[in-house]
Amino acid sequence: MVQLYGYYGDFSQRMVLRAARTDGVAGDRERTGPWLTRSGGWALARCDGQTAAFQVQGSPRGGAEGDEKTEDGRDLRDKRKLRDLLASFAKKESAARGCEDLRLPSVR
């Protein structure tokens, strides 16, 4: 099951920074970039001059034998699915709210 969330305003910046520390993502005390882990990810944008954060959590089902694997053994295909779901959601939400500078995570 996969869940999608959108956070807006100062609260969203605090959420992202806390999640980055929990996930071990590089960043400083006030800023980080978008990222993707094996169980979720974050995309970032600016809405009315404030941070907007879009989150995907969960694990898509699927994957066939012989799919590419990441170093930790998780299907790269699943990470691509998570990123695609997050990208679609973040693009729709950003457009609906007039957000700018949408930054999406890469799949590694």
PDB file of N, CA and C in Angstrom:
ATOM      1  N   MET A   1       0.839  -1.174   0.000  1.00  0.00           N
ATOM      2  CA  MET A   1       0.000   0.000   0.000  1.00  0.00           C
ATOM      3  C   MET A   1       0.888   1.243   0.000  1.00  0.00           C
ATOM      4  N   VAL A   2       0.468   2.245  -0.729  1.00  0.00           N
ATOM      5  CA  VAL A   2       1.204   3.505  -0.825  1.00  0.00           C
ATOM      6  C   VAL A   2       0.297   4.643  -0.372  1.00  0.00           C
ATOM      7  N   GLN A   3       0.868   5.578   0.401  1.00  0.00           N
ATOM      8  CA  GLN A   3       0.120   6.756   0.857  1.00  0.00           C
ATOM      9  C   GLN A   3       0.839   8.010   0.385  1.00  0.00           C
ATOM     10  N   LEU A   4       0.063   9.031   0.013  1.00  0.00           N
ATOM     11  CA  LEU A   4       0.598  10.300  -0.468  1.00  0.00           C
ATOM     12  C   LEU A   4       0.103  11.428   0.421  1.00  0.00           C
ATOM     13  N   TYR A   5       1.002  12.376   0.737  1.00  0.00           N
ATOM     14  CA  TYR A   5       0.673  13.499   1.606  1.00  0.00           C
ATOM     15  C   TYR A   5       1.235  14.790   1.027  1.00  0.00           C
ATOM     16  N   GLY A   6       0.564  15.894   1.291  1.00  0.00           N
ATOM     17  CA  GLY A   6       1.069  17.224   0.948  1.00  0.00           C
ATOM     18  C   GLY A   6       1.065  18.091   2.198  1.00  0.00           C
ATOM     19  N   TYR A   7       2.180  18.783   2.442  1.00  0.00           N
ATOM     20  CA  TYR A   7       2.328  19.670   3.596  1.00  0.00           C
ATOM     21  C   TYR A   7       2.714  21.050   3.092  1.00  0.00           C
ATOM     22  N   TYR A   8       2.181  22.092   3.713  1.00  0.00           N
ATOM     23  CA  TYR A   8       2.406  23.455   3.239  1.00  0.00           C
ATOM     24  C   TYR A   8       2.744  24.383   4.398  1.00  0.00           C
ATOM     25  N   GLY A   9       3.618  25.357   4.144  1.00  0.00           N
ATOM     26  CA  GLY A   9       3.961  26.365   5.139  1.00  0.00           C
ATOM     27  C   GLY A   9       5.129  25.958   6.013  1.00  0.00           C
ATOM     28  N   ASP A  10       5.350  26.737   7.077  1.00  0.00           N
ATOM     29  CA  ASP A  10       6.481  26.507   7.976  1.00  0.00           C
ATOM     30  C   ASP A  10       6.484  25.092   8.553  1.00  0.00           C
ATOM     31  N   PHE A  11       5.321  24.573   8.829  1.00  0.00           N
ATOM     32  CA  PHE A  11       5.201  23.216   9.362  1.00  0.00           C
ATOM     33  C   PHE A  11       5.873  22.207   8.439  1.00  0.00           C
ATOM     34  N   SER A  12       5.701  22.391   7.127  1.00  0.00           N
ATOM     35  CA  SER A  12       6.261  21.436   6.168  1.00  0.00           C
ATOM     36  C   SER A  12       7.788  21.425   6.216  1.00  0.00           C
ATOM     37  N   GLN A  13       8.401  22.579   6.398  1.00  0.00           N
ATOM     38  CA  GLN A  13       9.858  22.639   6.482  1.00  0.00           C
ATOM     39  C   GLN A  13      10.361  21.839   7.683  1.00  0.00           C
ATOM     40  N   ARG A  14       9.696  21.968   8.802  1.00  0.00           N
ATOM     41  CA  ARG A  14      10.085  21.201   9.993  1.00  0.00           C
ATOM     42  C   ARG A  14       9.893  19.699   9.775  1.00  0.00           C
ATOM     43  N   MET A  15       8.811  19.315   9.133  1.00  0.00           N
ATOM     44  CA  MET A  15       8.560  17.901   8.826  1.00  0.00           C
ATOM     45  C   MET A  15       9.673  17.321   7.962  1.00  0.00           C
ATOM     46  N   VAL A  16      10.042  18.061   6.920  1.00  0.00           N
ATOM     47  CA  VAL A  16      11.072  17.590   5.993  1.00  0.00           C
ATOM     48  C   VAL A  16      12.415  17.453   6.698  1.00  0.00           C
ATOM     49  N   LEU A  17      12.792  18.430   7.495  1.00  0.00           N
ATOM     50  CA  LEU A  17      14.087  18.371   8.180  1.00  0.00           C
ATOM     51  C   LEU A  17      14.134  17.207   9.166  1.00  0.00           C
ATOM     52  N   ARG A  18      13.046  16.975   9.875  1.00  0.00           N
ATOM     53  CA  ARG A  18      13.009  15.854  10.814  1.00  0.00           C
ATOM     54  C   ARG A  18      13.107  14.527  10.054  1.00  0.00           C
ATOM     55  N   ALA A  19      12.378  14.407   8.963  1.00  0.00           N
ATOM     56  CA  ALA A  19      12.424  13.177   8.164  1.00  0.00           C
ATOM     57  C   ALA A  19      13.809  12.962   7.562  1.00  0.00           C
ATOM     58  N   ALA A  20      14.464  14.041   7.136  1.00  0.00           N
ATOM     59  CA  ALA A  20      15.809  13.923   6.557  1.00  0.00           C
ATOM     60  C   ALA A  20      16.786  13.382   7.598  1.00  0.00           C
ATOM     61  N   ARG A  21      16.698  13.890   8.807  1.00  0.00           N
ATOM     62  CA  ARG A  21      17.580  13.384   9.870  1.00  0.00           C
ATOM     63  C   ARG A  21      17.289  11.911  10.150  1.00  0.00           C
ATOM     64  N   THR A  22      16.024  11.553  10.210  1.00  0.00           N
ATOM     65  CA  THR A  22      15.637  10.166  10.479  1.00  0.00           C
ATOM     66  C   THR A  22      16.132   9.227   9.379  1.00  0.00           C
ATOM     67  N   ASP A  23      16.040   9.673   8.121  1.00  0.00           N
ATOM     68  CA  ASP A  23      16.441   8.843   6.982  1.00  0.00           C
ATOM     69  C   ASP A  23      17.935   8.930   6.680  1.00  0.00           C
ATOM     70  N   GLY A  24      18.660   9.783   7.415  1.00  0.00           N
ATOM     71  CA  GLY A  24      20.097   9.919   7.177  1.00  0.00           C
ATOM     72  C   GLY A  24      20.440  10.648   5.898  1.00  0.00           C
ATOM     73  N   VAL A  25      19.578  11.574   5.489  1.00  0.00           N
ATOM     74  CA  VAL A  25      19.781  12.333   4.252  1.00  0.00           C
ATOM     75  C   VAL A  25      20.653  13.553   4.528  1.00  0.00           C
ATOM     76  N   ALA A  26      21.589  13.814   3.614  1.00  0.00           N
ATOM     77  CA  ALA A  26      22.478  14.970   3.768  1.00  0.00           C
ATOM     78  C   ALA A  26      21.681  16.265   3.668  1.00  0.00           C
ATOM     79  N   GLY A  27      22.095  17.235   4.432  1.00  0.00           N
ATOM     80  CA  GLY A  27      21.472  18.548   4.428  1.00  0.00           C
ATOM     81  C   GLY A  27      22.004  19.332   5.599  1.00  0.00           C
ATOM     82  N   ASP A  28      21.640  20.585   5.674  1.00  0.00           N
ATOM     83  CA  ASP A  28      22.065  21.370   6.826  1.00  0.00           C
ATOM     84  C   ASP A  28      20.886  21.531   7.782  1.00  0.00           C
ATOM     85  N   ARG A  29      21.054  22.378   8.774  1.00  0.00           N
ATOM     86  CA  ARG A  29      20.007  22.522   9.800  1.00  0.00           C
ATOM     87  C   ARG A  29      18.737  23.181   9.279  1.00  0.00           C
ATOM     88  N   GLU A  30      18.839  23.879   8.146  1.00  0.00           N
ATOM     89  CA  GLU A  30      17.676  24.625   7.655  1.00  0.00           C
ATOM     90  C   GLU A  30      17.180  24.186   6.283  1.00  0.00           C
ATOM     91  N   ARG A  31      17.938  23.303   5.619  1.00  0.00           N
ATOM     92  CA  ARG A  31      17.551  23.004   4.241  1.00  0.00           C
ATOM     93  C   ARG A  31      18.029  21.603   3.845  1.00  0.00           C
ATOM     94  N   THR A  32      17.266  20.956   3.006  1.00  0.00           N
ATOM     95  CA  THR A  32      17.650  19.688   2.405  1.00  0.00           C
ATOM     96  C   THR A  32      16.993  19.597   1.044  1.00  0.00           C
ATOM     97  N   GLY A  33      17.435  18.664   0.238  1.00  0.00           N
ATOM     98  CA  GLY A  33      16.842  18.476  -1.084  1.00  0.00           C
ATOM     99  C   GLY A  33      15.866  17.312  -1.082  1.00  0.00           C
ATOM    100  N   PRO A  34      15.229  17.055  -2.219  1.00  0.00           N
ATOM    101  CA  PRO A  34      14.315  15.917  -2.313  1.00  0.00           C
ATOM    102  C   PRO A  34      15.092  14.603  -2.229  1.00  0.00           C
ATOM    103  N   TRP A  35      14.448  13.540  -1.750  1.00  0.00           N
ATOM    104  CA  TRP A  35      15.124  12.247  -1.690  1.00  0.00           C
ATOM    105  C   TRP A  35      14.135  11.107  -1.776  1.00  0.00           C
ATOM    106  N   LEU A  36      14.691   9.918  -2.026  1.00  0.00           N
ATOM    107  CA  LEU A  36      13.904   8.705  -2.149  1.00  0.00           C
ATOM    108  C   LEU A  36      14.632   7.581  -1.412  1.00  0.00           C
ATOM    109  N   THR A  37      13.907   6.872  -0.567  1.00  0.00           N
ATOM    110  CA  THR A  37      14.457   5.698   0.115  1.00  0.00           C
ATOM    111  C   THR A  37      13.673   4.484  -0.361  1.00  0.00           C
ATOM    112  N   ARG A  38      13.987   3.342   0.190  1.00  0.00           N
ATOM    113  CA  ARG A  38      13.276   2.140  -0.247  1.00  0.00           C
ATOM    114  C   ARG A  38      11.852   2.069   0.287  1.00  0.00           C
ATOM    115  N   SER A  39      11.498   2.944   1.232  1.00  0.00           N
ATOM    116  CA  SER A  39      10.133   2.910   1.768  1.00  0.00           C
ATOM    117  C   SER A  39       9.380   4.231   1.607  1.00  0.00           C
ATOM    118  N   GLY A  40       9.952   5.187   0.887  1.00  0.00           N
ATOM    119  CA  GLY A  40       9.252   6.442   0.680  1.00  0.00           C
ATOM    120  C   GLY A  40      10.154   7.521   0.127  1.00  0.00           C
ATOM    121  N   GLY A  41       9.610   8.714   0.029  1.00  0.00           N
ATOM    122  CA  GLY A  41      10.401   9.818  -0.489  1.00  0.00           C
ATOM    123  C   GLY A  41       9.670  11.141  -0.362  1.00  0.00           C
ATOM    124  N   TRP A  42      10.415  12.190  -0.693  1.00  0.00           N
ATOM    125  CA  TRP A  42       9.914  13.552  -0.586  1.00  0.00           C
ATOM    126  C   TRP A  42      10.241  14.351  -1.842  1.00  0.00           C
ATOM    127  N   ALA A  43       9.314  15.185  -2.263  1.00  0.00           N
ATOM    128  CA  ALA A  43       9.524  16.187  -3.302  1.00  0.00           C
ATOM    129  C   ALA A  43       9.249  17.542  -2.647  1.00  0.00           C
ATOM    130  N   LEU A  44       9.893  18.584  -3.156  1.00  0.00           N
ATOM    131  CA  LEU A  44       9.774  19.911  -2.548  1.00  0.00           C
ATOM    132  C   LEU A  44       9.415  20.955  -3.587  1.00  0.00           C
ATOM    133  N   ALA A  45       8.709  21.995  -3.163  1.00  0.00           N
ATOM    134  CA  ALA A  45       8.338  23.108  -4.038  1.00  0.00           C
ATOM    135  C   ALA A  45       8.190  24.362  -3.175  1.00  0.00           C
ATOM    136  N   ARG A  46       7.872  25.480  -3.822  1.00  0.00           N
ATOM    137  CA  ARG A  46       7.592  26.738  -3.128  1.00  0.00           C
ATOM    138  C   ARG A  46       6.173  27.162  -3.489  1.00  0.00           C
ATOM    139  N   CYS A  47       5.373  27.425  -2.460  1.00  0.00           N
ATOM    140  CA  CYS A  47       3.996  27.890  -2.638  1.00  0.00           C
ATOM    141  C   CYS A  47       3.838  29.182  -1.844  1.00  0.00           C
ATOM    142  N   ASP A  48       3.511  30.245  -2.524  1.00  0.00           N
ATOM    143  CA  ASP A  48       3.350  31.544  -1.874  1.00  0.00           C
ATOM    144  C   ASP A  48       4.566  31.901  -1.018  1.00  0.00           C
ATOM    145  N   GLY A  49       5.761  31.563  -1.518  1.00  0.00           N
ATOM    146  CA  GLY A  49       6.997  31.907  -0.824  1.00  0.00           C
ATOM    147  C   GLY A  49       7.375  30.988   0.319  1.00  0.00           C
ATOM    148  N   GLN A  50       6.574  29.962   0.568  1.00  0.00           N
ATOM    149  CA  GLN A  50       6.867  29.030   1.652  1.00  0.00           C
ATOM    150  C   GLN A  50       7.098  27.630   1.098  1.00  0.00           C
ATOM    151  N   THR A  51       7.709  26.796   1.917  1.00  0.00           N
ATOM    152  CA  THR A  51       7.993  25.426   1.513  1.00  0.00           C
ATOM    153  C   THR A  51       6.717  24.609   1.395  1.00  0.00           C
ATOM    154  N   ALA A  52       6.658  23.818   0.342  1.00  0.00           N
ATOM    155  CA  ALA A  52       5.633  22.793   0.189  1.00  0.00           C
ATOM    156  C   ALA A  52       6.376  21.470   0.074  1.00  0.00           C
ATOM    157  N   ALA A  53       5.914  20.468   0.784  1.00  0.00           N
ATOM    158  CA  ALA A  53       6.564  19.161   0.777  1.00  0.00           C
ATOM    159  C   ALA A  53       5.532  18.094   0.427  1.00  0.00           C
ATOM    160  N   PHE A  54       5.923  17.199  -0.460  1.00  0.00           N
ATOM    161  CA  PHE A  54       5.044  16.125  -0.902  1.00  0.00           C
ATOM    162  C   PHE A  54       5.723  14.810  -0.562  1.00  0.00           C
ATOM    163  N   GLN A  55       4.986  13.924   0.098  1.00  0.00           N
ATOM    164  CA  GLN A  55       5.570  12.692   0.609  1.00  0.00           C
ATOM    165  C   GLN A  55       4.858  11.471   0.058  1.00  0.00           C
ATOM    166  N   VAL A  56       5.628  10.445  -0.242  1.00  0.00           N
ATOM    167  CA  VAL A  56       5.095   9.127  -0.567  1.00  0.00           C
ATOM    168  C   VAL A  56       5.650   8.162   0.479  1.00  0.00           C
ATOM    169  N   GLN A  57       4.786   7.300   0.993  1.00  0.00           N
ATOM    170  CA  GLN A  57       5.178   6.277   1.962  1.00  0.00           C
ATOM    171  C   GLN A  57       4.617   4.944   1.520  1.00  0.00           C
ATOM    172  N   GLY A  58       5.359   3.891   1.761  1.00  0.00           N
ATOM    173  CA  GLY A  58       4.845   2.562   1.497  1.00  0.00           C
ATOM    174  C   GLY A  58       5.716   1.785   0.545  1.00  0.00           C
ATOM    175  N   SER A  59       5.131   0.739   0.000  1.00  0.00           N
ATOM    176  CA  SER A  59       5.853  -0.138  -0.903  1.00  0.00           C
ATOM    177  C   SER A  59       4.916  -0.621  -1.993  1.00  0.00           C
ATOM    178  N   PRO A  60       5.213  -0.291  -3.249  1.00  0.00           N
ATOM    179  CA  PRO A  60       4.392  -0.827  -4.329  1.00  0.00           C
ATOM    180  C   PRO A  60       4.669  -2.319  -4.470  1.00  0.00           C
ATOM    181  N   ARG A  61       3.654  -3.064  -4.781  1.00  0.00           N
ATOM    182  CA  ARG A  61       3.844  -4.507  -4.997  1.00  0.00           C
ATOM    183  C   ARG A  61       4.313  -4.734  -6.416  1.00  0.00           C
ATOM    184  N   GLY A  62       4.875  -5.868  -6.634  1.00  0.00           N
ATOM    185  CA  GLY A  62       5.293  -6.217  -7.987  1.00  0.00           C
ATOM    186  C   GLY A  62       6.769  -6.511  -8.041  1.00  0.00           C
ATOM    187  N   GLY A  63       7.280  -6.504  -9.227  1.00  0.00           N
ATOM    188  CA  GLY A  63       8.675  -6.857  -9.440  1.00  0.00           C
ATOM    189  C   GLY A  63       8.747  -8.278  -9.964  1.00  0.00           C
ATOM    190  N   ALA A  64       9.436  -8.427 -11.055  1.00  0.00           N
ATOM    191  CA  ALA A  64       9.599  -9.748 -11.647  1.00  0.00           C
ATOM    192  C   ALA A  64      11.017 -10.234 -11.409  1.00  0.00           C
ATOM    193  N   GLU A  65      11.173 -11.525 -11.399  1.00  0.00           N
ATOM    194  CA  GLU A  65      12.509 -12.079 -11.230  1.00  0.00           C
ATOM    195  C   GLU A  65      13.382 -11.573 -12.362  1.00  0.00           C
ATOM    196  N   GLY A  66      14.593 -11.177 -12.040  1.00  0.00           N
ATOM    197  CA  GLY A  66      15.492 -10.651 -13.053  1.00  0.00           C
ATOM    198  C   GLY A  66      15.468  -9.138 -13.150  1.00  0.00           C
ATOM    199  N   ASP A  67      14.575  -8.457 -12.406  1.00  0.00           N
ATOM    200  CA  ASP A  67      14.582  -6.998 -12.393  1.00  0.00           C
ATOM    201  C   ASP A  67      15.898  -6.503 -11.814  1.00  0.00           C
ATOM    202  N   GLU A  68      16.276  -5.274 -12.179  1.00  0.00           N
ATOM    203  CA  GLU A  68      17.482  -4.681 -11.620  1.00  0.00           C
ATOM    204  C   GLU A  68      17.326  -4.560 -10.112  1.00  0.00           C
ATOM    205  N   LYS A  69      18.416  -4.711  -9.394  1.00  0.00           N
ATOM    206  CA  LYS A  69      18.387  -4.605  -7.945  1.00  0.00           C
ATOM    207  C   LYS A  69      19.254  -3.445  -7.489  1.00  0.00           C
ATOM    208  N   THR A  70      18.861  -2.810  -6.383  1.00  0.00           N
ATOM    209  CA  THR A  70      19.715  -1.813  -5.757  1.00  0.00           C
ATOM    210  C   THR A  70      20.733  -2.554  -4.909  1.00  0.00           C
ATOM    211  N   GLU A  71      21.687  -1.837  -4.346  1.00  0.00           N
ATOM    212  CA  GLU A  71      22.724  -2.472  -3.538  1.00  0.00           C
ATOM    213  C   GLU A  71      22.153  -3.243  -2.355  1.00  0.00           C
ATOM    214  N   ASP A  72      21.051  -2.766  -1.807  1.00  0.00           N
ATOM    215  CA  ASP A  72      20.487  -3.447  -0.641  1.00  0.00           C
ATOM    216  C   ASP A  72      19.506  -4.548  -1.023  1.00  0.00           C
ATOM    217  N   GLY A  73      19.388  -4.864  -2.305  1.00  0.00           N
ATOM    218  CA  GLY A  73      18.557  -5.974  -2.752  1.00  0.00           C
ATOM    219  C   GLY A  73      17.131  -5.613  -3.115  1.00  0.00           C
ATOM    220  N   ARG A  74      16.702  -4.403  -2.843  1.00  0.00           N
ATOM    221  CA  ARG A  74      15.338  -3.994  -3.176  1.00  0.00           C
ATOM    222  C   ARG A  74      15.232  -3.772  -4.675  1.00  0.00           C
ATOM    223  N   ASP A  75      14.116  -4.112  -5.248  1.00  0.00           N
ATOM    224  CA  ASP A  75      13.932  -3.917  -6.680  1.00  0.00           C
ATOM    225  C   ASP A  75      14.023  -2.441  -7.042  1.00  0.00           C
ATOM    226  N   LEU A  76      14.884  -2.136  -7.996  1.00  0.00           N
ATOM    227  CA  LEU A  76      14.970  -0.769  -8.504  1.00  0.00           C
ATOM    228  C   LEU A  76      13.638  -0.377  -9.129  1.00  0.00           C
ATOM    229  N   ARG A  77      12.951  -1.343  -9.668  1.00  0.00           N
ATOM    230  CA  ARG A  77      11.634  -1.090 -10.262  1.00  0.00           C
ATOM    231  C   ARG A  77      10.672  -0.511  -9.230  1.00  0.00           C
ATOM    232  N   ASP A  78      10.690  -1.020  -7.997  1.00  0.00           N
ATOM    233  CA  ASP A  78       9.815  -0.501  -6.951  1.00  0.00           C
ATOM    234  C   ASP A  78      10.153   0.949  -6.618  1.00  0.00           C
ATOM    235  N   LYS A  79      11.442   1.288  -6.569  1.00  0.00           N
ATOM    236  CA  LYS A  79      11.824   2.679  -6.302  1.00  0.00           C
ATOM    237  C   LYS A  79      11.350   3.583  -7.436  1.00  0.00           C
ATOM    238  N   ARG A  80      11.423   3.097  -8.649  1.00  0.00           N
ATOM    239  CA  ARG A  80      10.931   3.892  -9.791  1.00  0.00           C
ATOM    240  C   ARG A  80       9.430   4.113  -9.672  1.00  0.00           C
ATOM    241  N   LYS A  81       8.705   3.083  -9.247  1.00  0.00           N
ATOM    242  CA  LYS A  81       7.252   3.224  -9.063  1.00  0.00           C
ATOM    243  C   LYS A  81       6.943   4.266  -7.993  1.00  0.00           C
ATOM    244  N   LEU A  82       7.658   4.202  -6.871  1.00  0.00           N
ATOM    245  CA  LEU A  82       7.450   5.186  -5.814  1.00  0.00           C
ATOM    246  C   LEU A  82       7.711   6.590  -6.331  1.00  0.00           C
ATOM    247  N   ARG A  83       8.824   6.764  -7.057  1.00  0.00           N
ATOM    248  CA  ARG A  83       9.162   8.081  -7.587  1.00  0.00           C
ATOM    249  C   ARG A  83       8.101   8.555  -8.573  1.00  0.00           C
ATOM    250  N   ASP A  84       7.625   7.666  -9.454  1.00  0.00           N
ATOM    251  CA  ASP A  84       6.607   8.046 -10.429  1.00  0.00           C
ATOM    252  C   ASP A  84       5.304   8.465  -9.743  1.00  0.00           C
ATOM    253  N   LEU A  85       4.906   7.737  -8.699  1.00  0.00           N
ATOM    254  CA  LEU A  85       3.700   8.109  -7.944  1.00  0.00           C
ATOM    255  C   LEU A  85       3.880   9.462  -7.266  1.00  0.00           C
ATOM    256  N   LEU A  86       5.029   9.653  -6.642  1.00  0.00           N
ATOM    257  CA  LEU A  86       5.318  10.927  -5.979  1.00  0.00           C
ATOM    258  C   LEU A  86       5.345  12.066  -6.983  1.00  0.00           C
ATOM    259  N   ALA A  87       5.997  11.852  -8.126  1.00  0.00           N
ATOM    260  CA  ALA A  87       6.098  12.899  -9.142  1.00  0.00           C
ATOM    261  C   ALA A  87       4.716  13.300  -9.660  1.00  0.00           C
ATOM    262  N   SER A  88       3.881  12.324  -9.948  1.00  0.00           N
ATOM    263  CA  SER A  88       2.535  12.614 -10.442  1.00  0.00           C
ATOM    264  C   SER A  88       1.734  13.414  -9.418  1.00  0.00           C
ATOM    265  N   PHE A  89       1.758  12.979  -8.176  1.00  0.00           N
ATOM    266  CA  PHE A  89       1.034  13.658  -7.102  1.00  0.00           C
ATOM    267  C   PHE A  89       1.564  15.080  -6.899  1.00  0.00           C
ATOM    268  N   ALA A  90       2.885  15.230  -6.812  1.00  0.00           N
ATOM    269  CA  ALA A  90       3.488  16.540  -6.553  1.00  0.00           C
ATOM    270  C   ALA A  90       3.215  17.515  -7.705  1.00  0.00           C
ATOM    271  N   LYS A  91       3.250  17.031  -8.935  1.00  0.00           N
ATOM    272  CA  LYS A  91       2.966  17.902 -10.088  1.00  0.00           C
ATOM    273  C   LYS A  91       1.514  18.389 -10.064  1.00  0.00           C
ATOM    274  N   LYS A  92       0.585  17.485  -9.773  1.00  0.00           N
ATOM    275  CA  LYS A  92      -0.837  17.865  -9.722  1.00  0.00           C
ATOM    276  C   LYS A  92      -1.103  18.852  -8.588  1.00  0.00           C
ATOM    277  N   GLU A  93      -0.578  18.565  -7.407  1.00  0.00           N
ATOM    278  CA  GLU A  93      -0.783  19.455  -6.262  1.00  0.00           C
ATOM    279  C   GLU A  93      -0.132  20.818  -6.495  1.00  0.00           C
ATOM    280  N   SER A  94       1.067  20.818  -7.045  1.00  0.00           N
ATOM    281  CA  SER A  94       1.767  22.081  -7.321  1.00  0.00           C
ATOM    282  C   SER A  94       0.991  22.930  -8.310  1.00  0.00           C
ATOM    283  N   ALA A  95       0.493  22.310  -9.354  1.00  0.00           N
ATOM    284  CA  ALA A  95      -0.275  23.040 -10.367  1.00  0.00           C
ATOM    285  C   ALA A  95      -1.566  23.597  -9.766  1.00  0.00           C
ATOM    286  N   ALA A  96      -2.250  22.808  -8.964  1.00  0.00           N
ATOM    287  CA  ALA A  96      -3.518  23.228  -8.375  1.00  0.00           C
ATOM    288  C   ALA A  96      -3.343  24.384  -7.397  1.00  0.00           C
ATOM    289  N   ARG A  97      -2.182  24.469  -6.752  1.00  0.00           N
ATOM    290  CA  ARG A  97      -1.941  25.501  -5.739  1.00  0.00           C
ATOM    291  C   ARG A  97      -1.041  26.632  -6.226  1.00  0.00           C
ATOM    292  N   GLY A  98      -0.640  26.578  -7.495  1.00  0.00           N
ATOM    293  CA  GLY A  98       0.209  27.629  -8.042  1.00  0.00           C
ATOM    294  C   GLY A  98       1.632  27.608  -7.499  1.00  0.00           C
ATOM    295  N   CYS A  99       2.122  26.438  -7.144  1.00  0.00           N
ATOM    296  CA  CYS A  99       3.487  26.318  -6.605  1.00  0.00           C
ATOM    297  C   CYS A  99       4.514  26.391  -7.725  1.00  0.00           C
ATOM    298  N   GLU A 100       5.741  26.740  -7.334  1.00  0.00           N
ATOM    299  CA  GLU A 100       6.846  26.867  -8.288  1.00  0.00           C
ATOM    300  C   GLU A 100       8.038  26.059  -7.798  1.00  0.00           C
ATOM    301  N   ASP A 101       9.026  25.916  -8.683  1.00  0.00           N
ATOM    302  CA  ASP A 101      10.320  25.311  -8.343  1.00  0.00           C
ATOM    303  C   ASP A 101      10.146  23.915  -7.754  1.00  0.00           C
ATOM    304  N   LEU A 102       9.339  23.075  -8.400  1.00  0.00           N
ATOM    305  CA  LEU A 102       9.155  21.698  -7.944  1.00  0.00           C
ATOM    306  C   LEU A 102      10.450  20.923  -8.151  1.00  0.00           C
ATOM    307  N   ARG A 103      10.924  20.292  -7.080  1.00  0.00           N
ATOM    308  CA  ARG A 103      12.133  19.473  -7.131  1.00  0.00           C
ATOM    309  C   ARG A 103      11.768  18.042  -6.754  1.00  0.00           C
ATOM    310  N   LEU A 104      12.107  17.116  -7.647  1.00  0.00           N
ATOM    311  CA  LEU A 104      11.771  15.710  -7.462  1.00  0.00           C
ATOM    312  C   LEU A 104      13.042  14.907  -7.163  1.00  0.00           C
ATOM    313  N   PRO A 105      12.900  13.809  -6.419  1.00  0.00           N
ATOM    314  CA  PRO A 105      14.092  12.980  -6.139  1.00  0.00           C
ATOM    315  C   PRO A 105      14.486  12.165  -7.352  1.00  0.00           C
ATOM    316  N   SER A 106      15.747  11.787  -7.394  1.00  0.00           N
ATOM    317  CA  SER A 106      16.202  10.882  -8.447  1.00  0.00           C
ATOM    318  C   SER A 106      16.192   9.457  -7.903  1.00  0.00           C
ATOM    319  N   VAL A 107      16.172   8.480  -8.814  1.00  0.00           N
ATOM    320  CA  VAL A 107      16.233   7.078  -8.425  1.00  0.00           C
ATOM    321  C   VAL A 107      17.679   6.651  -8.535  1.00  0.00           C
ATOM    322  N   ARG A 108      18.230   6.145  -7.444  1.00  0.00           N
ATOM    323  CA  ARG A 108      19.630   5.687  -7.458  1.00  0.00           C
ATOM    324  C   ARG A 108      19.701   4.244  -7.091  1.00  0.00           C
TER     325      ARG A 108
END
